[in-house]
Amino acid sequence: MDLGERFYADVNAQLIESIFFKNSPLHDGALIISNEKIKAARCVLPVSKKTTLPKQFGLRHRAAIGFSELTDALVIVVSEETGNILFAYNGKWKENLTAEQLKNTLINKLKKE
C-alpha cells in the first residue's frame, strides 16, 4: 500500500470536498481517517483478488474491498461517475446505499466495537 501524502488534520466536510475535487492533486486514491483525524490522502490500496466481484466494479471499488479484506477498516466508496455509495467491511460489501443507510450502517458498526 502506498500511503500517498501524509498529513494530520481534523475531519471536516469542506476539507474532504476540497481533497476530492476533480482537479485537486489529492483527489485520486483513498483518504485515510483514523481516530477522527485525516492521516493521508492519495493512497493506493491493495486490490481484491476475488474473481466473483461484479464486472461493473472498477479499480476504486476493487481496492475498497481489497483493503477491507486485509484490515479492520470501515471503507466507503463514492462512485465518481454515478455518485453511488458502497460500504465494505471484512471483505463483504453493500452497494447503492443512500446517505441515511450509510449513516445507519456506520453507527451500527461503530457501536459493536
Protein backbone atom coordinates (compact mmCIF):
# COMPACT_ATOMS: atom_id res chain seq x y z
CA MET A 1 0.00 0.00 0.00
CA ASP A 2 1.27 3.47 -0.94
CA LEU A 3 0.44 5.90 1.87
CA GLY A 4 0.29 8.84 -0.54
CA GLU A 5 0.52 12.28 1.02
CA ARG A 6 0.61 12.14 4.79
CA PHE A 7 -0.80 14.90 6.96
CA TYR A 8 -2.69 15.43 10.19
CA ALA A 9 -5.96 17.35 10.06
CA ASP A 10 -9.35 17.45 11.70
CA VAL A 11 -12.09 15.75 9.71
CA ASN A 12 -14.46 18.29 8.20
CA ALA A 13 -16.72 18.35 5.17
CA GLN A 14 -15.03 21.29 3.43
CA LEU A 15 -11.59 19.68 3.61
CA ILE A 16 -12.90 16.36 2.31
CA GLU A 17 -14.71 18.13 -0.55
CA SER A 18 -11.50 20.01 -1.40
CA ILE A 19 -9.46 16.80 -1.42
CA PHE A 20 -11.92 15.04 -3.72
CA PHE A 21 -12.49 17.99 -6.06
CA LYS A 22 -11.70 16.56 -9.51
CA ASN A 23 -8.84 19.00 -10.18
CA SER A 24 -7.19 18.53 -6.78
CA PRO A 25 -3.82 16.75 -6.94
CA LEU A 26 -5.01 14.66 -3.94
CA HIS A 27 -8.36 13.53 -5.37
CA ASP A 28 -7.24 10.27 -6.95
CA GLY A 29 -6.87 7.47 -4.44
CA ALA A 30 -8.02 6.86 -0.89
CA LEU A 31 -8.35 9.15 2.09
CA ILE A 32 -7.28 7.58 5.40
CA ILE A 33 -9.10 8.69 8.55
CA SER A 34 -8.14 7.31 11.96
CA ASN A 35 -9.12 8.49 15.43
CA GLU A 36 -11.14 11.36 13.96
CA LYS A 37 -8.12 12.76 12.07
CA ILE A 38 -7.28 12.72 8.38
CA LYS A 39 -3.92 10.95 8.21
CA ALA A 40 -3.27 10.68 4.46
CA ALA A 41 -4.73 11.26 1.01
CA ARG A 42 -3.95 9.97 -2.48
CA CYS A 43 -3.30 6.49 -1.08
CA VAL A 44 -3.12 3.46 -3.34
CA LEU A 45 -4.85 0.47 -1.76
CA PRO A 46 -4.39 -3.24 -2.50
CA VAL A 47 -6.94 -4.60 -4.98
CA SER A 48 -9.10 -7.61 -4.10
CA LYS A 49 -8.13 -10.81 -5.84
CA LYS A 50 -11.70 -12.17 -5.67
CA THR A 51 -12.89 -13.39 -9.05
CA THR A 52 -16.55 -13.13 -8.03
CA LEU A 53 -16.75 -9.32 -7.85
CA PRO A 54 -19.33 -7.72 -10.14
CA LYS A 55 -17.89 -6.83 -13.54
CA GLN A 56 -19.05 -3.22 -13.22
CA PHE A 57 -16.77 -2.67 -10.21
CA GLY A 58 -13.84 -0.51 -11.21
CA LEU A 59 -10.45 -0.18 -9.57
CA ARG A 60 -11.74 2.08 -6.77
CA HIS A 61 -14.36 -0.49 -5.72
CA ARG A 62 -11.95 -3.41 -6.02
CA ALA A 63 -9.39 -1.56 -3.91
CA ALA A 64 -12.00 -0.76 -1.25
CA ILE A 65 -12.97 -4.41 -0.96
CA GLY A 66 -9.31 -5.48 -1.04
CA PHE A 67 -8.43 -3.10 1.78
CA SER A 68 -11.38 -4.35 3.82
CA GLU A 69 -10.13 -7.92 3.34
CA LEU A 70 -6.73 -7.06 4.84
CA THR A 71 -7.71 -4.63 7.63
CA ASP A 72 -10.48 -3.89 10.10
CA ALA A 73 -11.21 -0.60 8.31
CA LEU A 74 -14.71 0.60 7.51
CA VAL A 75 -14.35 1.51 3.83
CA ILE A 76 -16.63 3.89 1.93
CA VAL A 77 -16.54 4.44 -1.83
CA VAL A 78 -18.49 7.05 -3.76
CA SER A 79 -18.57 6.42 -7.49
CA GLU A 80 -17.15 9.35 -9.41
CA GLU A 81 -19.47 8.58 -12.33
CA THR A 82 -22.79 7.79 -10.61
CA GLY A 83 -22.46 9.04 -7.02
CA ASN A 84 -23.48 5.57 -5.79
CA ILE A 85 -22.20 4.68 -2.33
CA LEU A 86 -20.53 1.37 -1.46
CA PHE A 87 -19.60 0.28 2.07
CA ALA A 88 -17.07 -2.53 2.59
CA TYR A 89 -16.03 -4.29 5.78
CA ASN A 90 -14.23 -7.59 6.32
CA GLY A 91 -14.29 -8.44 2.61
CA LYS A 92 -18.06 -8.00 2.33
CA TRP A 93 -19.87 -5.03 0.83
CA LYS A 94 -23.19 -3.28 0.48
CA GLU A 95 -23.72 -1.18 -2.61
CA ASN A 96 -26.08 1.55 -3.79
CA LEU A 97 -26.62 2.84 -0.25
CA THR A 98 -28.37 6.10 0.44
CA ALA A 99 -26.63 8.60 2.72
CA GLU A 100 -29.07 7.62 5.50
CA GLN A 101 -28.37 3.90 5.03
CA LEU A 102 -24.62 4.58 5.15
CA LYS A 103 -25.02 6.62 8.32
CA ASN A 104 -27.02 3.83 9.99
CA THR A 105 -24.52 1.18 8.86
CA LEU A 106 -21.60 3.17 10.26
CA ILE A 107 -23.40 3.82 13.57
CA ASN A 108 -24.20 0.10 13.93
CA LYS A 109 -20.63 -0.99 13.11
CA LEU A 110 -19.09 1.55 15.49
CA LYS A 111 -21.44 0.56 18.33
CA LYS A 112 -20.23 -3.04 18.06
CA GLU A 113 -16.58 -2.02 18.50
